[in-house]
Amino acid sequence: MTTPVLLHRDQLREGLIISRRRKDCIARAIMLATGSRRFRILPDAWNHDAILVRDPSTQELRIGDALYPGCVLTPVETWERDCVKHDTKIIVLELPGAGPELETQAANWWLHNVYGRKYDKVAIWRLALKTILGDWTTGRVGLASRFYCTEGVREAYAAVIRSADTDIEDPWGKKVNPTPGTTRKRWKSGQLRDLPQVFTMEGRKYAIAP
């Protein structure tokens, strides 16, 4: 069976943030910890953040994915297949005002600093503890040499914003341990903007909507 095309390839570009909402137990636990209200998962919450990058060996657009056990490049088709097979929902976001140059720099930062690193498993335990105890620490939790999903995306943008001559602000701000729930809040506040035009007619039913 051929997987339908859910995302217009000519609308995708390096540096765009792509996130998803899955239905497995771990995904639900993450959403409960980071995207819930009174222990009710919000209908537009998601559990995973990633970034579009260009594969240096093939020059094809891939998804820069911080997954256990390591940070890899995932074909866009793999996410599309997951949508169809498991009714996974996705959203594609941009940082308003960033433009292609800064977006490409963020994608390249991810490639050079996150790709190939091991996944930071401490993040999963922190999210589990947060569900039970609340946000019990203001310091960074995890290893500096490893990344979890939102951390890698945020650090890519934070790094290029710091080095660029721009008035654009890091949308995650001073959040020490950003999560998919943090990214969702920045989207809801307008600091990140979703791109519904990237979805094909078939893909629209898999889009996370406001």
Protein backbone atom coordinates (compact mmCIF):
# COMPACT_ATOMS: atom_id res chain seq x y z
CA MET A 1 0.00 0.00 0.00
CA THR A 2 1.38 3.39 -1.01
CA THR A 3 1.44 6.00 1.75
CA PRO A 4 -0.44 9.12 0.67
CA VAL A 5 1.47 12.39 0.53
CA LEU A 6 0.28 14.46 3.49
CA LEU A 7 2.75 17.36 3.26
CA HIS A 8 3.52 19.46 0.19
CA ARG A 9 7.26 19.01 -0.26
CA ASP A 10 7.60 22.38 -2.02
CA GLN A 11 6.15 24.08 1.08
CA LEU A 12 8.65 22.51 3.49
CA ARG A 13 12.01 24.12 4.22
CA GLU A 14 14.97 23.79 6.55
CA GLY A 15 14.42 25.10 10.05
CA LEU A 16 10.67 24.63 10.24
CA ILE A 17 9.53 22.99 13.46
CA ILE A 18 7.45 19.85 13.02
CA SER A 19 5.68 18.29 15.99
CA ARG A 20 3.38 15.34 16.50
CA ARG A 21 0.72 13.91 18.76
CA ARG A 22 0.78 10.13 19.12
CA LYS A 23 -1.58 7.88 21.07
CA ASP A 24 0.78 5.41 22.79
CA CYS A 25 1.21 5.30 26.55
CA ILE A 26 4.49 7.24 26.66
CA ALA A 27 3.07 9.95 24.41
CA ARG A 28 -0.01 10.29 26.59
CA ALA A 29 2.15 10.51 29.71
CA ILE A 30 4.22 13.31 28.16
CA MET A 31 1.10 15.22 27.16
CA LEU A 32 -0.40 14.68 30.60
CA ALA A 33 2.73 16.16 32.16
CA THR A 34 3.26 19.03 29.74
CA GLY A 35 0.03 19.70 27.86
CA SER A 36 -2.76 19.11 30.32
CA ARG A 37 -5.18 21.05 32.45
CA ARG A 38 -6.15 19.44 35.73
CA PHE A 39 -4.92 16.08 34.46
CA ARG A 40 -6.98 16.31 31.27
CA ILE A 41 -5.01 16.12 28.03
CA LEU A 42 -5.79 19.13 25.89
CA PRO A 43 -7.20 18.34 22.43
CA ASP A 44 -4.45 20.31 20.65
CA ALA A 45 -1.54 19.12 22.82
CA TRP A 46 1.38 17.19 21.34
CA ASN A 47 4.22 15.08 22.71
CA HIS A 48 7.21 15.52 20.39
CA ASP A 49 9.10 18.37 18.70
CA ALA A 50 11.53 18.07 15.78
CA ILE A 51 13.11 20.27 13.12
CA LEU A 52 13.41 20.00 9.36
CA VAL A 53 17.02 19.74 8.17
CA ARG A 54 18.81 18.86 4.95
CA ASP A 55 20.55 15.50 4.92
CA PRO A 56 24.23 16.34 4.20
CA SER A 57 24.72 13.09 2.27
CA THR A 58 21.68 13.31 -0.03
CA GLN A 59 20.57 16.97 0.26
CA GLU A 60 17.01 15.74 0.88
CA LEU A 61 14.87 17.30 3.57
CA ARG A 62 14.67 15.08 6.64
CA ILE A 63 13.22 15.42 10.10
CA GLY A 64 15.86 16.09 12.76
CA ASP A 65 14.52 13.72 15.38
CA ALA A 66 15.79 13.38 18.95
CA LEU A 67 14.52 9.89 19.74
CA TYR A 68 15.65 7.11 22.05
CA PRO A 69 18.39 5.91 21.81
CA GLY A 70 19.89 8.67 19.65
CA CYS A 71 19.32 11.78 17.53
CA VAL A 72 18.66 10.78 13.94
CA LEU A 73 17.41 11.96 10.54
CA THR A 74 13.95 10.57 9.79
CA PRO A 75 12.40 10.60 6.30
CA VAL A 76 9.27 12.74 6.07
CA GLU A 77 7.54 9.69 4.58
CA THR A 78 8.05 7.83 7.87
CA TRP A 79 6.04 10.43 9.77
CA GLU A 80 3.35 10.38 7.07
CA ARG A 81 3.13 6.59 7.31
CA ASP A 82 2.80 6.88 11.10
CA CYS A 83 -0.08 9.33 10.65
CA VAL A 84 -2.00 6.93 8.43
CA LYS A 85 -1.22 3.79 10.43
CA HIS A 86 -1.70 5.15 13.95
CA ASP A 87 -3.82 8.27 13.38
CA THR A 88 -0.93 10.45 14.54
CA LYS A 89 -1.55 14.20 14.28
CA ILE A 90 1.13 16.71 13.28
CA ILE A 91 1.70 20.46 13.15
CA VAL A 92 4.32 22.50 11.25
CA LEU A 93 5.48 25.78 12.81
CA GLU A 94 7.68 28.72 11.90
CA LEU A 95 9.26 31.48 13.96
CA PRO A 96 7.68 34.69 12.61
CA GLY A 97 10.22 37.03 11.10
CA ALA A 98 13.06 34.50 11.12
CA GLY A 99 13.29 34.11 7.35
CA PRO A 100 15.08 31.41 5.33
CA GLU A 101 18.61 32.46 6.33
CA LEU A 102 18.10 32.18 10.08
CA GLU A 103 15.97 29.03 9.62
CA THR A 104 18.79 27.39 7.64
CA GLN A 105 21.31 28.38 10.31
CA ALA A 106 19.14 26.77 12.99
CA ALA A 107 18.84 23.59 10.92
CA ASN A 108 22.62 23.49 10.41
CA TRP A 109 23.21 24.06 14.13
CA TRP A 110 21.02 21.04 14.88
CA LEU A 111 22.96 18.95 12.37
CA HIS A 112 26.35 19.91 13.80
CA ASN A 113 25.46 19.82 17.49
CA VAL A 114 22.55 17.42 18.01
CA TYR A 115 22.59 14.88 15.18
CA GLY A 116 24.35 11.70 16.25
CA ARG A 117 24.22 12.50 19.98
CA LYS A 118 22.57 10.15 22.43
CA TYR A 119 19.06 10.84 23.65
CA ASP A 120 18.81 12.38 27.11
CA LYS A 121 16.75 9.80 29.01
CA VAL A 122 16.75 11.96 32.13
CA ALA A 123 14.09 14.10 30.44
CA ILE A 124 11.59 11.24 30.47
CA TRP A 125 12.06 10.70 34.20
CA ARG A 126 11.71 14.41 34.82
CA LEU A 127 8.40 14.49 32.98
CA ALA A 128 7.18 11.51 34.99
CA LEU A 129 8.16 13.21 38.26
CA LYS A 130 6.58 16.45 37.12
CA THR A 131 3.26 14.67 36.71
CA ILE A 132 3.41 13.52 40.32
CA LEU A 133 5.26 16.30 42.12
CA GLY A 134 4.87 19.37 39.93
CA ASP A 135 7.73 21.41 38.45
CA TRP A 136 10.03 20.77 41.38
CA THR A 137 13.26 22.28 40.05
CA THR A 138 14.28 25.48 38.31
CA GLY A 139 17.68 24.16 37.21
CA ARG A 140 18.55 22.23 34.09
CA VAL A 141 17.74 18.56 34.33
CA GLY A 142 19.74 16.25 32.10
CA LEU A 143 23.18 15.89 30.59
CA ALA A 144 24.79 18.76 28.68
CA SER A 145 26.18 16.34 26.08
CA ARG A 146 22.76 14.81 25.27
CA PHE A 147 19.48 16.16 23.96
CA TYR A 148 15.79 15.44 24.15
CA CYS A 149 13.37 16.57 21.46
CA THR A 150 12.35 20.11 22.42
CA GLU A 151 15.75 20.89 23.91
CA GLY A 152 17.52 20.29 20.59
CA VAL A 153 15.08 22.45 18.62
CA ARG A 154 15.17 25.26 21.16
CA GLU A 155 18.97 25.25 21.46
CA ALA A 156 19.30 25.45 17.67
CA TYR A 157 17.22 28.60 17.50
CA ALA A 158 18.62 30.12 20.70
CA ALA A 159 22.19 29.69 19.41
CA VAL A 160 21.63 31.40 16.06
CA ILE A 161 19.50 34.18 17.58
CA ARG A 162 22.30 34.97 20.03
CA SER A 163 24.85 35.23 17.23
CA ALA A 164 22.66 37.10 14.72
CA ASP A 165 22.07 40.82 14.38
CA THR A 166 18.31 40.54 14.87
CA ASP A 167 15.49 41.77 17.05
CA ILE A 168 13.87 38.33 17.04
CA GLU A 169 13.55 36.80 20.49
CA ASP A 170 13.96 33.19 21.48
CA PRO A 171 10.31 32.08 21.71
CA TRP A 172 11.09 29.67 24.52
CA GLY A 173 12.54 32.57 26.50
CA LYS A 174 14.18 31.76 29.81
CA LYS A 175 12.54 28.34 30.10
CA VAL A 176 15.34 26.11 31.36
CA ASN A 177 13.74 22.77 30.52
CA PRO A 178 11.42 23.38 27.54
CA THR A 179 8.95 20.65 26.63
CA PRO A 180 6.43 20.06 23.84
CA GLY A 181 3.95 21.75 26.17
CA THR A 182 6.16 24.86 26.17
CA THR A 183 6.22 24.87 22.37
CA ARG A 184 2.44 24.56 22.29
CA LYS A 185 2.06 27.53 24.65
CA ARG A 186 4.31 29.65 22.42
CA TRP A 187 2.15 28.68 19.45
CA LYS A 188 -1.03 29.60 21.31
CA SER A 189 0.48 32.97 22.27
CA GLY A 190 1.51 33.73 18.67
CA GLN A 191 5.26 33.48 19.23
CA LEU A 192 5.27 30.52 16.84
CA ARG A 193 2.96 30.32 13.82
CA ASP A 194 1.44 27.20 12.30
CA LEU A 195 1.49 26.66 8.54
CA PRO A 196 -1.74 24.96 7.43
CA GLN A 197 -0.79 25.43 3.78
CA VAL A 198 1.87 22.73 4.01
CA PHE A 199 -0.83 20.05 4.26
CA THR A 200 -2.28 18.37 1.19
CA MET A 201 -6.03 17.79 0.97
CA GLU A 202 -5.49 14.28 2.37
CA GLY A 203 -3.11 15.58 5.01
CA ARG A 204 -5.52 18.08 6.53
CA LYS A 205 -7.28 15.42 8.58
CA TYR A 206 -3.98 14.70 10.33
CA ALA A 207 -3.25 18.35 11.19
CA ILE A 208 -3.30 19.60 14.77
CA ALA A 209 -5.70 22.53 14.67
CA PRO A 210 -6.29 25.39 17.15
